[in-house]
Amino acid sequence: MPILNTPVFLIVLAALGGVAGTLQAQFMGVLDKNIGTLESVFITYGGGGLAIGLTMLFLRGGNLGVWHTVPWYTLLAGLLGLAVVGILGFAAPRIGLVPVMTLFVASQFIMAAALDHFGLLGAEIRPLDLTRISGVGVILFGVWLVVR
């Protein structure tokens, strides 16, 4: 569908992803405080796994038969996701949602800049220029303002 690749749609989608991630961190923080970190990660991944499993079943499968054709390190995505939700859920109720999300997003920017600049792990090379370096600097200044 042509609309799915339009810049406006992709910008709105990315913003909604940020909202969903923040809400997830808050909900996991509440779960973590009330029932524990491992249990909150289980509920998060169990619920998500059930939802995507049913969706794939409803849509008659998917393309899992070719999983062995992707680079081995991409299969770590699930474990990294466990780390993400576990860390967010554990840290958010302890130091607050704003500091956690600020550090989370800032570290994502820095890692993304490195992956793009060097073309690491399958990323297309998008060299850092002065504008992007300045943007990362502003983000780091923002982190300092929030966390200090």
N, C-alpha and C. Protein backbone atom coordinates (compact mmCIF):
# COMPACT_ATOMS: atom_id res chain seq x y z
N MET A 1 0.85 -1.19 0.00
CA MET A 1 0.00 0.00 0.00
C MET A 1 0.89 1.24 0.00
N PRO A 2 0.65 2.14 -0.93
CA PRO A 2 1.50 3.32 -1.08
C PRO A 2 1.55 4.22 0.16
N ILE A 3 0.47 4.34 0.89
CA ILE A 3 0.44 5.25 2.05
C ILE A 3 1.42 4.79 3.14
N LEU A 4 1.71 3.50 3.21
CA LEU A 4 2.58 2.97 4.26
C LEU A 4 4.02 3.44 4.14
N ASN A 5 4.41 3.94 2.99
CA ASN A 5 5.79 4.40 2.80
C ASN A 5 5.90 5.91 2.69
N THR A 6 4.85 6.63 2.97
CA THR A 6 4.92 8.09 2.90
C THR A 6 5.62 8.63 4.13
N PRO A 7 6.37 9.72 3.97
CA PRO A 7 7.07 10.29 5.13
C PRO A 7 6.14 10.65 6.29
N VAL A 8 4.99 11.20 6.00
CA VAL A 8 4.07 11.60 7.08
C VAL A 8 3.62 10.37 7.87
N PHE A 9 3.23 9.32 7.17
CA PHE A 9 2.81 8.09 7.84
C PHE A 9 3.93 7.54 8.71
N LEU A 10 5.14 7.49 8.17
CA LEU A 10 6.27 6.93 8.91
C LEU A 10 6.63 7.78 10.12
N ILE A 11 6.52 9.10 10.01
CA ILE A 11 6.78 9.97 11.16
C ILE A 11 5.74 9.75 12.25
N VAL A 12 4.46 9.69 11.86
CA VAL A 12 3.40 9.45 12.83
C VAL A 12 3.58 8.08 13.47
N LEU A 13 3.91 7.08 12.66
CA LEU A 13 4.12 5.73 13.17
C LEU A 13 5.26 5.69 14.18
N ALA A 14 6.37 6.36 13.88
CA ALA A 14 7.51 6.40 14.80
C ALA A 14 7.12 7.09 16.11
N ALA A 15 6.36 8.18 16.01
CA ALA A 15 5.91 8.89 17.21
C ALA A 15 4.99 8.00 18.05
N LEU A 16 4.10 7.27 17.39
CA LEU A 16 3.23 6.34 18.12
C LEU A 16 4.04 5.24 18.79
N GLY A 17 5.12 4.81 18.14
CA GLY A 17 6.01 3.82 18.75
C GLY A 17 6.63 4.36 20.03
N GLY A 18 7.00 5.63 20.02
CA GLY A 18 7.55 6.25 21.22
C GLY A 18 6.52 6.32 22.34
N VAL A 19 5.29 6.65 21.99
CA VAL A 19 4.21 6.68 22.99
C VAL A 19 3.99 5.28 23.55
N ALA A 20 3.93 4.29 22.66
CA ALA A 20 3.72 2.90 23.11
C ALA A 20 4.86 2.45 24.02
N GLY A 21 6.10 2.79 23.66
CA GLY A 21 7.24 2.41 24.49
C GLY A 21 7.20 3.04 25.87
N THR A 22 6.78 4.30 25.93
CA THR A 22 6.67 4.98 27.22
C THR A 22 5.57 4.37 28.08
N LEU A 23 4.43 4.10 27.46
CA LEU A 23 3.34 3.46 28.20
C LEU A 23 3.76 2.07 28.66
N GLN A 24 4.47 1.35 27.82
CA GLN A 24 4.93 0.02 28.20
C GLN A 24 5.86 0.11 29.41
N ALA A 25 6.77 1.06 29.40
CA ALA A 25 7.68 1.22 30.53
C ALA A 25 6.91 1.53 31.81
N GLN A 26 5.92 2.38 31.72
CA GLN A 26 5.11 2.71 32.90
C GLN A 26 4.36 1.47 33.40
N PHE A 27 3.71 0.76 32.49
CA PHE A 27 2.94 -0.41 32.89
C PHE A 27 3.85 -1.49 33.48
N MET A 28 5.01 -1.68 32.86
CA MET A 28 5.95 -2.67 33.38
C MET A 28 6.49 -2.25 34.74
N GLY A 29 6.67 -0.96 34.94
CA GLY A 29 7.11 -0.48 36.24
C GLY A 29 6.10 -0.81 37.33
N VAL A 30 4.83 -0.63 37.02
CA VAL A 30 3.78 -0.97 37.98
C VAL A 30 3.77 -2.47 38.24
N LEU A 31 3.87 -3.25 37.16
CA LEU A 31 3.93 -4.71 37.32
C LEU A 31 5.15 -5.11 38.15
N ASP A 32 6.31 -4.51 37.85
CA ASP A 32 7.55 -4.84 38.54
C ASP A 32 7.41 -4.60 40.05
N LYS A 33 6.88 -3.45 40.41
CA LYS A 33 6.73 -3.11 41.83
C LYS A 33 5.76 -4.05 42.54
N ASN A 34 4.75 -4.51 41.82
CA ASN A 34 3.71 -5.30 42.46
C ASN A 34 3.93 -6.81 42.41
N ILE A 35 4.55 -7.30 41.33
CA ILE A 35 4.70 -8.76 41.25
C ILE A 35 6.12 -9.21 40.94
N GLY A 36 7.03 -8.29 40.57
CA GLY A 36 8.42 -8.65 40.33
C GLY A 36 8.86 -8.45 38.90
N THR A 37 10.19 -8.34 38.72
CA THR A 37 10.76 -8.06 37.40
C THR A 37 10.55 -9.22 36.43
N LEU A 38 10.90 -10.43 36.85
CA LEU A 38 10.76 -11.58 35.96
C LEU A 38 9.31 -11.79 35.55
N GLU A 39 8.42 -11.63 36.50
CA GLU A 39 7.00 -11.82 36.22
C GLU A 39 6.48 -10.76 35.24
N SER A 40 6.95 -9.51 35.40
CA SER A 40 6.49 -8.46 34.49
C SER A 40 7.03 -8.69 33.08
N VAL A 41 8.26 -9.18 32.97
CA VAL A 41 8.82 -9.50 31.65
C VAL A 41 8.04 -10.66 31.04
N PHE A 42 7.71 -11.65 31.84
CA PHE A 42 6.94 -12.79 31.34
C PHE A 42 5.58 -12.35 30.82
N ILE A 43 4.89 -11.52 31.58
CA ILE A 43 3.57 -11.04 31.15
C ILE A 43 3.70 -10.24 29.85
N THR A 44 4.72 -9.41 29.77
CA THR A 44 4.93 -8.60 28.57
C THR A 44 5.22 -9.46 27.36
N TYR A 45 6.19 -10.33 27.49
CA TYR A 45 6.56 -11.18 26.35
C TYR A 45 5.52 -12.25 26.09
N GLY A 46 4.93 -12.80 27.14
CA GLY A 46 3.90 -13.81 26.94
C GLY A 46 2.69 -13.23 26.22
N GLY A 47 2.26 -12.05 26.64
CA GLY A 47 1.12 -11.40 25.98
C GLY A 47 1.45 -11.03 24.54
N GLY A 48 2.64 -10.48 24.33
CA GLY A 48 3.05 -10.13 22.97
C GLY A 48 3.22 -11.35 22.09
N GLY A 49 3.82 -12.40 22.64
CA GLY A 49 4.01 -13.64 21.88
C GLY A 49 2.69 -14.28 21.50
N LEU A 50 1.74 -14.27 22.43
CA LEU A 50 0.42 -14.82 22.14
C LEU A 50 -0.26 -14.00 21.05
N ALA A 51 -0.19 -12.68 21.15
CA ALA A 51 -0.84 -11.81 20.16
C ALA A 51 -0.25 -12.02 18.76
N ILE A 52 1.07 -12.04 18.65
CA ILE A 52 1.67 -12.20 17.33
C ILE A 52 1.49 -13.63 16.82
N GLY A 53 1.52 -14.60 17.72
CA GLY A 53 1.29 -15.99 17.32
C GLY A 53 -0.12 -16.18 16.75
N LEU A 54 -1.12 -15.63 17.41
CA LEU A 54 -2.49 -15.71 16.90
C LEU A 54 -2.64 -14.95 15.58
N THR A 55 -1.97 -13.81 15.47
CA THR A 55 -2.02 -13.05 14.22
C THR A 55 -1.43 -13.85 13.08
N MET A 56 -0.26 -14.45 13.31
CA MET A 56 0.36 -15.26 12.27
C MET A 56 -0.50 -16.47 11.91
N LEU A 57 -1.12 -17.08 12.91
CA LEU A 57 -2.00 -18.21 12.66
C LEU A 57 -3.20 -17.77 11.82
N PHE A 58 -3.78 -16.64 12.18
CA PHE A 58 -4.93 -16.10 11.45
C PHE A 58 -4.56 -15.76 10.01
N LEU A 59 -3.34 -15.24 9.83
CA LEU A 59 -2.88 -14.87 8.49
C LEU A 59 -2.22 -16.03 7.77
N ARG A 60 -2.34 -17.22 8.35
CA ARG A 60 -1.85 -18.46 7.75
C ARG A 60 -0.34 -18.54 7.66
N GLY A 61 0.30 -18.33 8.77
CA GLY A 61 1.73 -18.60 8.83
C GLY A 61 2.63 -17.40 8.89
N GLY A 62 3.18 -17.06 7.82
CA GLY A 62 4.20 -16.03 7.79
C GLY A 62 5.36 -16.57 6.99
N ASN A 63 6.52 -16.08 7.28
CA ASN A 63 7.70 -16.45 6.50
C ASN A 63 8.79 -17.04 7.40
N LEU A 64 8.39 -17.73 8.44
CA LEU A 64 9.37 -18.26 9.39
C LEU A 64 10.24 -19.37 8.81
N GLY A 65 9.82 -19.98 7.73
CA GLY A 65 10.58 -21.07 7.14
C GLY A 65 11.95 -20.68 6.63
N VAL A 66 12.18 -19.39 6.47
CA VAL A 66 13.47 -18.94 5.94
C VAL A 66 14.31 -18.24 7.02
N TRP A 67 14.02 -18.52 8.29
CA TRP A 67 14.75 -17.87 9.38
C TRP A 67 16.25 -18.10 9.28
N HIS A 68 16.65 -19.21 8.75
CA HIS A 68 18.07 -19.55 8.67
C HIS A 68 18.82 -18.74 7.60
N THR A 69 18.12 -17.91 6.83
CA THR A 69 18.78 -17.12 5.79
C THR A 69 19.23 -15.75 6.28
N VAL A 70 18.85 -15.38 7.50
CA VAL A 70 19.23 -14.07 8.03
C VAL A 70 20.54 -14.19 8.80
N PRO A 71 21.29 -13.10 8.95
CA PRO A 71 22.52 -13.17 9.75
C PRO A 71 22.23 -13.67 11.16
N TRP A 72 23.12 -14.48 11.71
CA TRP A 72 22.90 -15.11 13.01
C TRP A 72 22.60 -14.10 14.11
N TYR A 73 23.29 -12.96 14.07
CA TYR A 73 23.14 -11.99 15.15
C TYR A 73 21.74 -11.37 15.19
N THR A 74 21.02 -11.39 14.07
CA THR A 74 19.67 -10.83 14.08
C THR A 74 18.72 -11.66 14.94
N LEU A 75 19.08 -12.92 15.17
CA LEU A 75 18.25 -13.78 16.00
C LEU A 75 18.36 -13.41 17.49
N LEU A 76 19.26 -12.50 17.82
CA LEU A 76 19.38 -12.02 19.20
C LEU A 76 18.33 -10.95 19.52
N ALA A 77 17.53 -10.56 18.54
CA ALA A 77 16.53 -9.50 18.74
C ALA A 77 15.60 -9.81 19.91
N GLY A 78 15.18 -11.06 20.02
CA GLY A 78 14.28 -11.43 21.11
C GLY A 78 14.94 -11.29 22.47
N LEU A 79 16.19 -11.71 22.58
CA LEU A 79 16.91 -11.57 23.85
C LEU A 79 17.15 -10.10 24.18
N LEU A 80 17.47 -9.31 23.17
CA LEU A 80 17.64 -7.88 23.40
C LEU A 80 16.33 -7.24 23.84
N GLY A 81 15.24 -7.70 23.25
CA GLY A 81 13.93 -7.21 23.67
C GLY A 81 13.64 -7.53 25.12
N LEU A 82 14.03 -8.73 25.55
CA LEU A 82 13.88 -9.09 26.97
C LEU A 82 14.67 -8.13 27.85
N ALA A 83 15.89 -7.82 27.42
CA ALA A 83 16.71 -6.87 28.19
C ALA A 83 16.04 -5.50 28.23
N VAL A 84 15.52 -5.06 27.11
CA VAL A 84 14.87 -3.74 27.05
C VAL A 84 13.70 -3.67 28.02
N VAL A 85 12.78 -4.61 27.90
CA VAL A 85 11.59 -4.53 28.75
C VAL A 85 11.94 -4.77 30.22
N GLY A 86 12.89 -5.66 30.47
CA GLY A 86 13.30 -5.89 31.86
C GLY A 86 13.95 -4.68 32.48
N ILE A 87 14.84 -4.04 31.74
CA ILE A 87 15.53 -2.86 32.26
C ILE A 87 14.57 -1.70 32.46
N LEU A 88 13.71 -1.46 31.48
CA LEU A 88 12.72 -0.38 31.61
C LEU A 88 11.81 -0.62 32.81
N GLY A 89 11.30 -1.84 32.90
CA GLY A 89 10.39 -2.15 34.00
C GLY A 89 11.05 -2.07 35.36
N PHE A 90 12.31 -2.44 35.44
CA PHE A 90 13.03 -2.41 36.71
C PHE A 90 13.41 -0.98 37.10
N ALA A 91 13.93 -0.22 36.14
CA ALA A 91 14.46 1.11 36.44
C ALA A 91 13.38 2.18 36.62
N ALA A 92 12.31 2.11 35.84
CA ALA A 92 11.30 3.18 35.86
C ALA A 92 10.72 3.46 37.24
N PRO A 93 10.29 2.45 38.00
CA PRO A 93 9.73 2.78 39.31
C PRO A 93 10.77 3.19 40.33
N ARG A 94 12.04 2.98 40.02
CA ARG A 94 13.10 3.28 40.98
C ARG A 94 13.71 4.66 40.80
N ILE A 95 13.85 5.11 39.55
CA ILE A 95 14.42 6.45 39.35
C ILE A 95 13.48 7.39 38.61
N GLY A 96 12.33 6.87 38.16
CA GLY A 96 11.33 7.70 37.51
C GLY A 96 11.30 7.49 36.01
N LEU A 97 10.15 7.69 35.44
CA LEU A 97 9.95 7.44 34.02
C LEU A 97 10.72 8.43 33.15
N VAL A 98 10.75 9.70 33.54
CA VAL A 98 11.44 10.70 32.71
C VAL A 98 12.94 10.44 32.63
N PRO A 99 13.64 10.24 33.75
CA PRO A 99 15.07 9.93 33.61
C PRO A 99 15.33 8.64 32.84
N VAL A 100 14.54 7.61 33.08
CA VAL A 100 14.75 6.34 32.38
C VAL A 100 14.55 6.52 30.88
N MET A 101 13.46 7.15 30.49
CA MET A 101 13.19 7.31 29.06
C MET A 101 14.21 8.26 28.42
N THR A 102 14.66 9.27 29.14
CA THR A 102 15.67 10.18 28.61
C THR A 102 16.97 9.44 28.33
N LEU A 103 17.43 8.67 29.31
CA LEU A 103 18.65 7.88 29.12
C LEU A 103 18.47 6.83 28.03
N PHE A 104 17.31 6.22 28.00
CA PHE A 104 16.99 5.18 27.02
C PHE A 104 17.07 5.76 25.60
N VAL A 105 16.39 6.86 25.38
CA VAL A 105 16.36 7.47 24.04
C VAL A 105 17.73 8.01 23.66
N ALA A 106 18.42 8.66 24.59
CA ALA A 106 19.75 9.20 24.28
C ALA A 106 20.72 8.09 23.90
N SER A 107 20.68 6.98 24.63
CA SER A 107 21.59 5.89 24.30
C SER A 107 21.21 5.26 22.95
N GLN A 108 19.93 5.26 22.62
CA GLN A 108 19.50 4.78 21.30
C GLN A 108 20.06 5.68 20.20
N PHE A 109 20.01 6.98 20.41
CA PHE A 109 20.55 7.92 19.41
C PHE A 109 22.05 7.68 19.20
N ILE A 110 22.79 7.53 20.27
CA ILE A 110 24.23 7.35 20.16
C ILE A 110 24.55 6.03 19.45
N MET A 111 23.86 4.97 19.84
CA MET A 111 24.09 3.68 19.19
C MET A 111 23.68 3.73 17.72
N ALA A 112 22.55 4.36 17.43
CA ALA A 112 22.08 4.47 16.05
C ALA A 112 23.07 5.28 15.20
N ALA A 113 23.62 6.34 15.78
CA ALA A 113 24.60 7.15 15.04
C ALA A 113 25.83 6.33 14.69
N ALA A 114 26.28 5.51 15.63
CA ALA A 114 27.45 4.65 15.36
C ALA A 114 27.12 3.59 14.30
N LEU A 115 25.96 2.95 14.43
CA LEU A 115 25.58 1.94 13.44
C LEU A 115 25.48 2.56 12.04
N ASP A 116 24.82 3.71 11.95
CA ASP A 116 24.67 4.39 10.65
C ASP A 116 26.01 4.85 10.10
N HIS A 117 26.82 5.47 10.93
CA HIS A 117 28.08 6.05 10.46
C HIS A 117 29.02 4.98 9.90
N PHE A 118 29.12 3.87 10.61
CA PHE A 118 30.06 2.83 10.21
C PHE A 118 29.41 1.72 9.38
N GLY A 119 28.07 1.76 9.23
CA GLY A 119 27.39 0.72 8.48
C GLY A 119 27.47 -0.63 9.17
N LEU A 120 27.37 -0.63 10.48
CA LEU A 120 27.53 -1.87 11.26
C LEU A 120 26.26 -2.71 11.28
N LEU A 121 26.44 -4.00 11.39
CA LEU A 121 25.35 -4.97 11.59
C LEU A 121 24.24 -4.84 10.56
N GLY A 122 24.61 -4.57 9.33
CA GLY A 122 23.65 -4.51 8.24
C GLY A 122 23.04 -3.14 7.98
N ALA A 123 23.45 -2.13 8.74
CA ALA A 123 22.91 -0.78 8.52
C ALA A 123 23.54 -0.17 7.27
N GLU A 124 22.75 0.64 6.58
CA GLU A 124 23.31 1.39 5.45
C GLU A 124 24.18 2.50 6.01
N ILE A 125 25.26 2.81 5.33
CA ILE A 125 26.16 3.87 5.79
C ILE A 125 25.49 5.22 5.58
N ARG A 126 25.37 5.96 6.67
CA ARG A 126 24.87 7.33 6.66
C ARG A 126 25.83 8.12 7.55
N PRO A 127 26.85 8.71 6.93
CA PRO A 127 27.91 9.34 7.71
C PRO A 127 27.41 10.44 8.64
N LEU A 128 28.08 10.52 9.79
CA LEU A 128 27.80 11.62 10.71
C LEU A 128 28.35 12.90 10.11
N ASP A 129 27.59 13.96 10.20
CA ASP A 129 28.07 15.27 9.80
C ASP A 129 27.95 16.19 11.00
N LEU A 130 28.34 17.41 10.83
CA LEU A 130 28.33 18.36 11.95
C LEU A 130 26.93 18.54 12.52
N THR A 131 25.93 18.54 11.66
CA THR A 131 24.55 18.71 12.14
C THR A 131 24.13 17.57 13.04
N ARG A 132 24.40 16.34 12.63
CA ARG A 132 24.03 15.18 13.45
C ARG A 132 24.83 15.12 14.74
N ILE A 133 26.11 15.42 14.65
CA ILE A 133 26.94 15.45 15.86
C ILE A 133 26.42 16.51 16.83
N SER A 134 26.03 17.67 16.29
CA SER A 134 25.46 18.73 17.13
C SER A 134 24.16 18.26 17.77
N GLY A 135 23.33 17.55 17.01
CA GLY A 135 22.08 17.03 17.55
C GLY A 135 22.31 16.07 18.70
N VAL A 136 23.29 15.19 18.55
CA VAL A 136 23.63 14.27 19.64
C VAL A 136 24.13 15.05 20.85
N GLY A 137 24.91 16.10 20.60
CA GLY A 137 25.37 16.95 21.70
C GLY A 137 24.21 17.60 22.45
N VAL A 138 23.22 18.07 21.72
CA VAL A 138 22.03 18.66 22.35
C VAL A 138 21.29 17.61 23.17
N ILE A 139 21.20 16.41 22.64
CA ILE A 139 20.55 15.33 23.38
C ILE A 139 21.30 15.04 24.68
N LEU A 140 22.61 14.97 24.60
CA LEU A 140 23.40 14.72 25.81
C LEU A 140 23.25 15.84 26.83
N PHE A 141 23.15 17.08 26.35
CA PHE A 141 22.90 18.20 27.25
C PHE A 141 21.52 18.03 27.91
N GLY A 142 20.56 17.59 27.13
CA GLY A 142 19.23 17.33 27.68
C GLY A 142 19.26 16.24 28.74
N VAL A 143 20.04 15.21 28.51
CA VAL A 143 20.18 14.15 29.50
C VAL A 143 20.73 14.72 30.79
N TRP A 144 21.76 15.54 30.66
CA TRP A 144 22.36 16.14 31.85
C TRP A 144 21.33 16.97 32.60
N LEU A 145 20.51 17.75 31.89
CA LEU A 145 19.50 18.58 32.54
C LEU A 145 18.46 17.73 33.28
N VAL A 146 18.09 16.60 32.71
CA VAL A 146 17.06 15.76 33.30
C VAL A 146 17.59 14.94 34.47
N VAL A 147 18.80 14.42 34.33
CA VAL A 147 19.32 13.45 35.30
C VAL A 147 20.08 14.09 36.47
N ARG A 148 20.57 15.29 36.29
CA ARG A 148 21.42 15.92 37.31
C ARG A 148 20.79 16.00 38.67
